[in-house]
Amino acid sequence: RTPPGSSVGALHIFRASPKYDDTIVIGGPPCQAYSLVGRVRSRGKVGYVPEEDARHYLFREYIRVLDKLRPAAFVMENVKGMLSSTVESRLVFEMLMEDLSSLGTGHAHHYELRAVRVEDGKASLQEAAQPSDFIVHSEAFGVPQRRHRVIIVGIRSDLAGRAADAEIAVSGMARTVRDVIETMPVLRSGISRGRDDAAAWRGEVLDAAKLLAGISKGKDNRALREAFLTVSERVKENPPTVRAASRLPDGYGTSNDELLQWIERPQLRAIAQHETRGHMASDLGRYLFAAVFGTVRGYSPKAADFPLVLSPDHRNWHSGVFNDRFRVQLADEASTTVTSHISKDGHYFIHPDPIQCRSLTVREAARLQTFPDDYLFLGNRTQQYVQVGNAVPPFLAKQIAMLVLKAVN
């Protein structure tokens, strides 16, 4: 494990025997220099020179390990932005592929590079015709998240003949946010400033629902108005609690669903790390609006869709820069990519249930990443969110591991 909150690249070496012939190396260099967000931040730094940023070249440390160990196979993972990142007027990905292709110079064997391809419910390792062939879509493997990453598999040439026919059946069923978080205990958000108790929360949500129902006028907004009134009635009759976090849902651990069998652990007596964070009272109305809008309209609202009364006190709110400042995860679709930014404020990860009026908990984010419920994250809650967001979905990793094992065995 990397330290809590760490964003360094991970390198894992598995050895079945003392011989390097039985070694498989799995990992990837840190992605901050390649990610689109990281590149934007770097451009904003005065005097930033990409060629002087050592992070661009950390992939060579990975290659140095490969050259020393000469493993049977390796798996290299990174963000999709690596395909378009440039340094020294060259694409970083071109430099990477050149270095990987030169592995084995002076040795008996080189490495054949393969892309993970999914077709007709089966995954196999194929030669890539273009860089984009190395992009793996997590949702094609039954992960309830649109997470797209570059994954390169290298097979040592003396073993590559075995890899040609290797394939596995994948869990390619389209999975949604609802599939993995609907059974979680219902929780209300906390209030980060001022009075934080059930009565205060109930009052804030009821006031917001009444206000939004009142301004949702006209034929086009009738469904929104009715939804806000429904929320108001439900909150009055059965408001959620902030203390139901650990309770196991009915039927927990008994599902025949492959993904839930992977996530749920029958031996557990409670669900850990499913506690709400506190939100500003002014944000509760925005979360409520986003969740109702997403339920009724089928997409997350943009800044222009929010009523003026909910506009944050930010001069750039209407500039288009913050179009997706508040994003609800739609219940009947795969989630957007769970990133470490969820540790900051949660605005991009609003729960789809309007009654709960909050962002996702650590455990809900972990479930979208397909971490089993008995996997505990270390450190404080911010560090836990960072670890969840920086991870490769374990359910995806398991399937790629099975494919690589079959390819070299």
Protein backbone atom coordinates (compact mmCIF):
# COMPACT_ATOMS: atom_id res chain seq x y z
CA ARG A 1 0.00 0.00 0.00
CA THR A 2 1.06 3.57 -0.55
CA PRO A 3 0.89 5.86 2.52
CA PRO A 4 -2.50 7.41 3.36
CA GLY A 5 -3.25 10.29 1.00
CA SER A 6 -0.22 9.54 -1.15
CA SER A 7 -0.42 10.19 -4.88
CA VAL A 8 2.81 8.48 -5.88
CA GLY A 9 2.74 5.76 -8.50
CA ALA A 10 2.47 2.20 -7.26
CA LEU A 11 4.68 -0.69 -8.28
CA HIS A 12 3.82 -4.26 -7.37
CA ILE A 13 6.08 -7.23 -8.09
CA PHE A 14 4.67 -10.74 -7.84
CA ARG A 15 7.08 -13.66 -7.80
CA ALA A 16 6.00 -17.28 -7.72
CA SER A 17 9.54 -18.56 -7.27
CA PRO A 18 13.06 -17.14 -6.84
CA LYS A 19 13.52 -17.16 -10.63
CA TYR A 20 12.76 -13.91 -12.43
CA ASP A 21 11.12 -16.01 -15.17
CA ASP A 22 8.10 -16.27 -12.89
CA THR A 23 7.87 -12.56 -12.13
CA ILE A 24 5.06 -10.26 -13.23
CA VAL A 25 5.40 -6.50 -12.67
CA ILE A 26 2.25 -4.39 -12.31
CA GLY A 27 2.21 -0.63 -11.81
CA GLY A 28 2.45 2.78 -13.37
CA PRO A 29 4.29 6.08 -12.99
CA PRO A 30 2.61 9.02 -11.20
CA CYS A 31 0.04 10.61 -13.48
CA GLN A 32 -0.01 14.27 -12.34
CA ALA A 33 2.16 15.42 -15.24
CA TYR A 34 -0.08 13.67 -17.79
CA SER A 35 -3.59 14.21 -16.48
CA LEU A 36 -5.58 17.05 -18.05
CA VAL A 37 -6.18 18.64 -14.64
CA GLY A 38 -2.51 18.37 -13.75
CA ARG A 39 -1.45 19.99 -17.00
CA VAL A 40 -3.84 22.90 -16.48
CA ARG A 41 -2.43 23.45 -12.99
CA SER A 42 1.13 23.31 -14.29
CA ARG A 43 0.43 25.89 -17.01
CA GLY A 44 -0.84 28.23 -14.31
CA LYS A 45 2.52 28.21 -12.51
CA VAL A 46 4.79 31.16 -13.25
CA GLY A 47 7.94 30.04 -15.01
CA TYR A 48 6.82 26.44 -15.44
CA VAL A 49 8.94 24.58 -18.01
CA PRO A 50 7.63 21.09 -18.90
CA GLU A 51 11.10 19.84 -19.85
CA GLU A 52 12.30 20.61 -16.33
CA ASP A 53 9.45 18.68 -14.69
CA ALA A 54 10.98 15.32 -13.76
CA ARG A 55 7.53 13.76 -13.44
CA HIS A 56 7.28 13.60 -17.24
CA TYR A 57 10.13 11.10 -17.30
CA LEU A 58 9.24 8.87 -14.36
CA PHE A 59 8.03 6.19 -16.77
CA ARG A 60 11.72 5.51 -17.38
CA GLU A 61 12.08 4.41 -13.77
CA TYR A 62 9.41 1.81 -14.45
CA ILE A 63 11.29 0.71 -17.56
CA ARG A 64 14.53 0.52 -15.57
CA VAL A 65 12.88 -1.96 -13.22
CA LEU A 66 11.60 -4.00 -16.17
CA ASP A 67 15.05 -4.06 -17.74
CA LYS A 68 16.59 -5.30 -14.51
CA LEU A 69 14.00 -7.97 -13.67
CA ARG A 70 13.19 -9.21 -17.17
CA PRO A 71 9.76 -10.39 -15.98
CA ALA A 72 7.57 -12.84 -17.84
CA ALA A 73 5.02 -10.06 -18.28
CA PHE A 74 4.19 -6.57 -17.12
CA VAL A 75 1.11 -4.37 -16.88
CA MET A 76 1.50 -0.59 -17.09
CA GLU A 77 -1.42 1.70 -16.25
CA ASN A 78 -1.86 5.45 -16.58
CA VAL A 79 -4.41 8.17 -17.30
CA LYS A 80 -5.81 8.69 -20.78
CA GLY A 81 -4.16 12.12 -20.86
CA MET A 82 -0.81 10.39 -21.30
CA LEU A 83 -1.70 9.90 -24.99
CA SER A 84 -1.81 13.66 -25.61
CA SER A 85 0.82 14.92 -23.15
CA THR A 86 3.86 16.49 -24.82
CA VAL A 87 7.39 17.37 -23.73
CA GLU A 88 10.41 18.34 -25.81
CA SER A 89 7.93 18.91 -28.68
CA ARG A 90 7.16 15.20 -28.66
CA LEU A 91 4.31 13.09 -27.39
CA VAL A 92 5.26 11.43 -24.11
CA PHE A 93 3.45 8.29 -25.28
CA GLU A 94 5.70 8.04 -28.35
CA MET A 95 8.76 8.23 -26.12
CA LEU A 96 7.29 5.59 -23.82
CA MET A 97 6.53 3.18 -26.66
CA GLU A 98 10.01 3.62 -28.12
CA ASP A 99 11.59 2.80 -24.76
CA LEU A 100 9.32 -0.18 -24.16
CA SER A 101 10.01 -1.51 -27.64
CA SER A 102 13.75 -1.28 -27.05
CA LEU A 103 13.54 -3.41 -23.92
CA GLY A 104 15.56 -6.55 -24.46
CA THR A 105 18.32 -4.99 -26.54
CA GLY A 106 21.38 -7.08 -25.81
CA HIS A 107 19.27 -9.87 -24.34
CA ALA A 108 17.83 -13.02 -25.85
CA HIS A 109 14.24 -11.79 -25.73
CA HIS A 110 12.32 -8.57 -26.23
CA TYR A 111 8.73 -7.68 -25.22
CA GLU A 112 5.66 -7.77 -27.39
CA LEU A 113 3.19 -5.04 -26.44
CA ARG A 114 -0.50 -5.84 -26.32
CA ALA A 115 -3.73 -3.93 -25.78
CA VAL A 116 -6.66 -5.32 -23.81
CA ARG A 117 -9.57 -5.70 -26.19
CA VAL A 118 -13.16 -6.63 -25.32
CA GLU A 119 -15.40 -8.13 -27.98
CA ASP A 120 -18.51 -10.33 -27.77
CA GLY A 121 -18.20 -10.66 -24.00
CA LYS A 122 -14.58 -11.82 -24.07
CA ALA A 123 -11.32 -10.01 -23.31
CA SER A 124 -8.09 -10.83 -25.12
CA LEU A 125 -4.64 -9.36 -25.72
CA GLN A 126 -4.22 -7.94 -29.21
CA GLU A 127 -1.69 -5.88 -31.13
CA ALA A 128 -2.54 -2.18 -31.20
CA ALA A 129 -3.02 -0.38 -34.50
CA GLN A 130 -3.10 3.06 -32.86
CA PRO A 131 -2.46 4.56 -29.39
CA SER A 132 -6.16 4.76 -28.54
CA ASP A 133 -6.35 0.95 -28.73
CA PHE A 134 -4.61 0.88 -25.33
CA ILE A 135 -7.53 2.68 -23.66
CA VAL A 136 -9.50 0.33 -21.42
CA HIS A 137 -13.12 1.20 -20.56
CA SER A 138 -13.94 0.02 -17.05
CA GLU A 139 -17.66 -0.22 -17.80
CA ALA A 140 -16.92 -2.91 -20.41
CA PHE A 141 -15.79 -5.10 -17.50
CA GLY A 142 -18.94 -4.62 -15.43
CA VAL A 143 -17.63 -1.71 -13.36
CA PRO A 144 -20.38 0.87 -12.57
CA GLN A 145 -18.13 3.77 -13.53
CA ARG A 146 -16.99 5.45 -16.75
CA ARG A 147 -13.29 5.23 -15.98
CA HIS A 148 -11.03 5.15 -19.05
CA ARG A 149 -7.35 4.41 -18.59
CA VAL A 150 -4.33 3.50 -20.71
CA ILE A 151 -3.22 -0.07 -19.96
CA ILE A 152 -0.27 -1.64 -21.75
CA VAL A 153 0.50 -5.34 -21.34
CA GLY A 154 3.95 -6.57 -22.26
CA ILE A 155 4.65 -10.28 -22.81
CA ARG A 156 8.23 -11.50 -23.11
CA SER A 157 8.77 -12.76 -26.66
CA ASP A 158 9.60 -16.33 -25.64
CA LEU A 159 6.14 -16.53 -24.03
CA ALA A 160 4.18 -14.40 -26.49
CA GLY A 161 3.02 -17.36 -28.54
CA ARG A 162 0.90 -18.49 -25.60
CA ALA A 163 -0.77 -15.10 -25.36
CA ALA A 164 -2.25 -15.17 -28.86
CA ASP A 165 -5.16 -17.43 -27.92
CA ALA A 166 -5.64 -16.29 -24.32
CA GLU A 167 -9.07 -14.91 -23.56
CA ILE A 168 -11.48 -14.72 -20.65
CA ALA A 169 -15.18 -14.07 -20.32
CA VAL A 170 -15.73 -10.62 -18.83
CA SER A 171 -18.47 -9.22 -16.64
CA GLY A 172 -19.62 -6.91 -19.40
CA MET A 173 -23.15 -6.33 -18.16
CA ALA A 174 -23.87 -2.59 -18.02
CA ARG A 175 -23.82 -1.61 -14.35
CA THR A 176 -25.22 1.52 -12.76
CA VAL A 177 -24.83 3.67 -9.67
CA ARG A 178 -28.11 2.24 -8.40
CA ASP A 179 -26.75 -1.33 -8.61
CA VAL A 180 -24.12 -0.74 -5.93
CA ILE A 181 -25.33 2.08 -3.67
CA GLU A 182 -29.13 1.77 -3.58
CA THR A 183 -28.98 -0.86 -0.80
CA MET A 184 -26.74 1.31 1.38
CA PRO A 185 -28.26 2.75 4.58
CA VAL A 186 -30.08 6.05 3.93
CA LEU A 187 -28.30 9.02 5.52
CA ARG A 188 -28.88 12.74 5.68
CA SER A 189 -26.01 15.15 5.22
CA GLY A 190 -24.44 17.05 8.04
CA ILE A 191 -24.36 20.86 8.25
CA SER A 192 -20.79 22.14 8.36
CA ARG A 193 -21.46 25.59 9.79
CA GLY A 194 -23.90 26.61 12.47
CA ARG A 195 -26.43 24.36 14.12
CA ASP A 196 -26.17 20.72 13.00
CA ASP A 197 -29.03 18.57 14.21
CA ALA A 198 -32.03 16.80 12.71
CA ALA A 199 -34.38 19.77 13.19
CA ALA A 200 -31.96 22.24 11.60
CA TRP A 201 -31.32 19.96 8.61
CA ARG A 202 -35.04 19.26 8.17
CA GLY A 203 -35.81 22.96 8.20
CA GLU A 204 -33.15 23.77 5.60
CA VAL A 205 -34.32 21.05 3.21
CA LEU A 206 -38.02 21.84 3.62
CA ASP A 207 -37.36 25.54 3.01
CA ALA A 208 -35.33 24.71 -0.12
CA ALA A 209 -37.97 22.29 -1.44
CA LYS A 210 -40.75 24.85 -0.87
CA LEU A 211 -38.74 27.58 -2.58
CA LEU A 212 -37.86 25.40 -5.59
CA ALA A 213 -41.43 24.13 -5.96
CA GLY A 214 -42.65 27.72 -5.92
CA ILE A 215 -40.37 28.91 -8.69
CA SER A 216 -40.81 25.78 -10.87
CA LYS A 217 -43.69 27.21 -12.86
CA GLY A 218 -45.03 26.51 -16.30
CA LYS A 219 -45.83 23.36 -18.23
CA ASP A 220 -42.19 22.47 -18.86
CA ASN A 221 -41.36 22.52 -15.16
CA ARG A 222 -44.43 20.70 -13.86
CA ALA A 223 -42.53 17.44 -13.25
CA LEU A 224 -39.84 19.33 -11.33
CA ARG A 225 -42.43 21.08 -9.18
CA GLU A 226 -44.17 17.79 -8.34
CA ALA A 227 -40.81 16.18 -7.50
CA PHE A 228 -39.91 19.00 -5.08
CA LEU A 229 -43.33 18.68 -3.40
CA THR A 230 -42.81 14.92 -3.09
CA VAL A 231 -39.43 15.47 -1.44
CA SER A 232 -41.05 17.86 1.00
CA GLU A 233 -43.70 15.29 1.98
CA ARG A 234 -41.16 12.50 2.36
CA VAL A 235 -38.89 14.62 4.56
CA LYS A 236 -41.85 15.55 6.77
CA GLU A 237 -43.02 11.94 7.14
CA ASN A 238 -39.75 10.03 7.39
CA PRO A 239 -36.61 12.18 7.46
CA PRO A 240 -33.32 10.27 7.08
CA THR A 241 -30.98 9.98 10.02
CA VAL A 242 -27.30 10.75 10.24
CA ARG A 243 -26.64 7.75 12.49
CA ALA A 244 -27.71 4.73 10.40
CA ALA A 245 -24.32 4.33 8.77
CA SER A 246 -23.27 0.96 10.11
CA ARG A 247 -26.56 -0.91 9.74
CA LEU A 248 -26.46 -3.79 7.24
CA PRO A 249 -29.28 -3.69 4.67
CA ASP A 250 -31.76 -6.56 4.49
CA GLY A 251 -30.45 -9.49 2.48
CA TYR A 252 -26.85 -8.30 2.69
CA GLY A 253 -24.39 -10.92 1.44
CA THR A 254 -27.02 -13.19 -0.11
CA SER A 255 -27.21 -11.77 -3.65
CA ASN A 256 -26.63 -13.97 -6.71
CA ASP A 257 -25.36 -10.93 -8.61
CA GLU A 258 -21.69 -11.35 -9.54
CA LEU A 259 -20.71 -7.77 -8.75
CA LEU A 260 -22.52 -7.68 -5.39
CA GLN A 261 -20.98 -11.04 -4.48
CA TRP A 262 -17.61 -9.39 -5.11
CA ILE A 263 -18.45 -6.28 -3.01
CA GLU A 264 -20.52 -7.65 -0.14
CA ARG A 265 -18.92 -9.77 2.59
CA PRO A 266 -21.38 -12.04 4.48
CA GLN A 267 -19.09 -12.21 7.51
CA LEU A 268 -19.41 -8.48 8.19
CA ARG A 269 -21.63 -7.25 11.01
CA ALA A 270 -21.60 -3.60 9.94
CA ILE A 271 -20.54 -1.37 7.05
CA ALA A 272 -17.56 0.85 7.84
CA GLN A 273 -16.66 4.29 6.49
CA HIS A 274 -20.22 5.13 5.47
CA GLU A 275 -20.49 8.41 7.36
CA THR A 276 -21.69 11.69 5.91
CA ARG A 277 -19.58 14.79 5.62
CA GLY A 278 -20.96 18.18 6.54
CA HIS A 279 -22.17 20.61 3.86
CA MET A 280 -22.84 24.33 4.01
CA ALA A 281 -26.54 25.04 4.46
CA SER A 282 -26.54 27.04 1.21
CA ASP A 283 -25.26 23.98 -0.66
CA LEU A 284 -28.11 21.77 0.55
CA GLY A 285 -30.50 23.56 -1.79
CA ARG A 286 -28.10 23.10 -4.71
CA TYR A 287 -27.69 19.40 -3.93
CA LEU A 288 -31.46 19.02 -3.67
CA PHE A 289 -32.01 20.78 -6.98
CA ALA A 290 -29.30 18.76 -8.76
CA ALA A 291 -30.64 15.42 -7.50
CA VAL A 292 -34.25 16.23 -8.42
CA PHE A 293 -33.22 17.67 -11.80
CA GLY A 294 -31.17 14.55 -12.60
CA THR A 295 -34.04 12.26 -11.63
CA VAL A 296 -36.61 14.15 -13.70
CA ARG A 297 -34.56 15.24 -16.72
CA GLY A 298 -32.11 12.34 -16.93
CA TYR A 299 -28.95 14.44 -16.95
CA SER A 300 -26.98 16.51 -14.47
CA PRO A 301 -27.80 20.23 -14.55
CA LYS A 302 -25.35 22.77 -15.89
CA ALA A 303 -24.79 26.13 -14.24
CA ALA A 304 -27.37 27.78 -16.52
CA ASP A 305 -30.02 25.27 -15.38
CA PHE A 306 -29.82 26.39 -11.75
CA PRO A 307 -32.32 29.03 -10.59
CA LEU A 308 -30.70 32.39 -9.95
CA VAL A 309 -31.65 32.14 -6.28
CA LEU A 310 -29.24 29.19 -5.98
CA SER A 311 -26.32 30.90 -7.70
CA PRO A 312 -23.17 30.69 -5.56
CA ASP A 313 -21.43 33.92 -4.63
CA HIS A 314 -18.82 33.49 -7.34
CA ARG A 315 -18.17 36.00 -10.10
CA ASN A 316 -17.37 33.27 -12.65
CA TRP A 317 -20.50 31.20 -12.01
CA HIS A 318 -22.16 32.33 -15.27
CA SER A 319 -18.96 32.40 -17.33
CA GLY A 320 -19.11 28.73 -18.34
CA VAL A 321 -15.89 27.90 -16.48
CA PHE A 322 -17.87 26.21 -13.71
CA ASN A 323 -20.55 24.63 -15.88
CA ASP A 324 -20.30 21.33 -14.00
CA ARG A 325 -19.55 22.74 -10.57
CA PHE A 326 -22.42 20.72 -9.11
CA ARG A 327 -22.79 17.28 -10.66
CA VAL A 328 -25.23 14.60 -9.57
CA GLN A 329 -24.42 10.96 -10.23
CA LEU A 330 -27.36 9.53 -12.17
CA ALA A 331 -28.86 6.43 -10.57
CA ASP A 332 -29.50 4.51 -13.78
CA GLU A 333 -26.15 5.13 -15.44
CA ALA A 334 -22.54 4.34 -14.67
CA SER A 335 -20.96 7.08 -12.58
CA THR A 336 -18.46 9.57 -13.90
CA THR A 337 -14.83 8.89 -13.03
CA VAL A 338 -14.27 8.80 -9.30
CA THR A 339 -11.21 11.01 -8.79
CA SER A 340 -9.25 12.14 -5.75
CA HIS A 341 -11.00 15.53 -6.08
CA ILE A 342 -13.90 13.98 -4.17
CA SER A 343 -11.76 14.67 -1.09
CA LYS A 344 -12.15 18.44 -1.60
CA ASP A 345 -15.86 19.22 -1.48
CA GLY A 346 -18.03 16.49 -3.02
CA HIS A 347 -19.82 18.87 -5.42
CA TYR A 348 -18.99 16.61 -8.39
CA PHE A 349 -20.31 13.54 -6.60
CA ILE A 350 -23.85 14.37 -5.43
CA HIS A 351 -25.96 11.41 -4.32
CA PRO A 352 -28.85 10.73 -6.74
CA ASP A 353 -31.47 10.43 -3.96
CA PRO A 354 -32.86 13.95 -3.29
CA ILE A 355 -34.00 12.93 0.20
CA GLN A 356 -30.43 12.40 1.37
CA CYS A 357 -29.22 15.77 0.01
CA ARG A 358 -25.50 15.06 0.23
CA SER A 359 -22.34 13.95 -1.52
CA LEU A 360 -21.17 10.34 -1.59
CA THR A 361 -19.61 8.75 1.47
CA VAL A 362 -16.20 7.05 1.34
CA ARG A 363 -17.88 3.63 1.21
CA GLU A 364 -20.23 4.62 -1.62
CA ALA A 365 -17.31 5.97 -3.65
CA ALA A 366 -15.40 2.78 -2.86
CA ARG A 367 -18.32 0.70 -4.12
CA LEU A 368 -18.35 2.62 -7.41
CA GLN A 369 -14.67 1.71 -7.58
CA THR A 370 -15.68 -1.91 -6.75
CA PHE A 371 -13.73 -2.18 -3.51
CA PRO A 372 -15.12 -4.98 -1.31
CA ASP A 373 -16.86 -3.74 1.83
CA ASP A 374 -14.21 -5.30 4.09
CA TYR A 375 -11.43 -3.19 2.56
CA LEU A 376 -10.60 -0.44 5.05
CA PHE A 377 -8.91 2.79 4.02
CA LEU A 378 -6.31 4.35 6.30
CA GLY A 379 -5.90 7.90 7.58
CA ASN A 380 -8.54 10.59 8.02
CA ARG A 381 -11.59 10.91 5.79
CA THR A 382 -9.87 13.24 3.31
CA GLN A 383 -7.02 10.76 2.92
CA GLN A 384 -9.50 7.91 2.51
CA TYR A 385 -11.24 9.73 -0.35
CA VAL A 386 -7.86 10.32 -2.03
CA GLN A 387 -6.97 6.63 -1.83
CA VAL A 388 -10.33 5.65 -3.34
CA GLY A 389 -10.01 8.16 -6.19
CA ASN A 390 -6.43 7.20 -7.09
CA ALA A 391 -7.14 3.49 -7.35
CA VAL A 392 -7.75 1.12 -10.24
CA PRO A 393 -11.13 -0.62 -9.75
CA PRO A 394 -10.31 -3.98 -8.11
CA PHE A 395 -13.06 -5.77 -10.09
CA LEU A 396 -11.34 -4.60 -13.30
CA ALA A 397 -7.87 -5.44 -11.94
CA LYS A 398 -9.00 -8.96 -11.08
CA GLN A 399 -10.18 -9.62 -14.64
CA ILE A 400 -7.03 -8.21 -16.25
CA ALA A 401 -4.95 -10.30 -13.83
CA MET A 402 -6.85 -13.42 -14.92
CA LEU A 403 -6.19 -12.55 -18.56
CA VAL A 404 -2.46 -11.98 -18.01
CA LEU A 405 -2.14 -15.19 -16.01
CA LYS A 406 -3.80 -17.12 -18.81
CA ALA A 407 -1.52 -15.45 -21.36
CA VAL A 408 1.72 -16.54 -19.66
CA ASN A 409 0.57 -19.87 -18.24
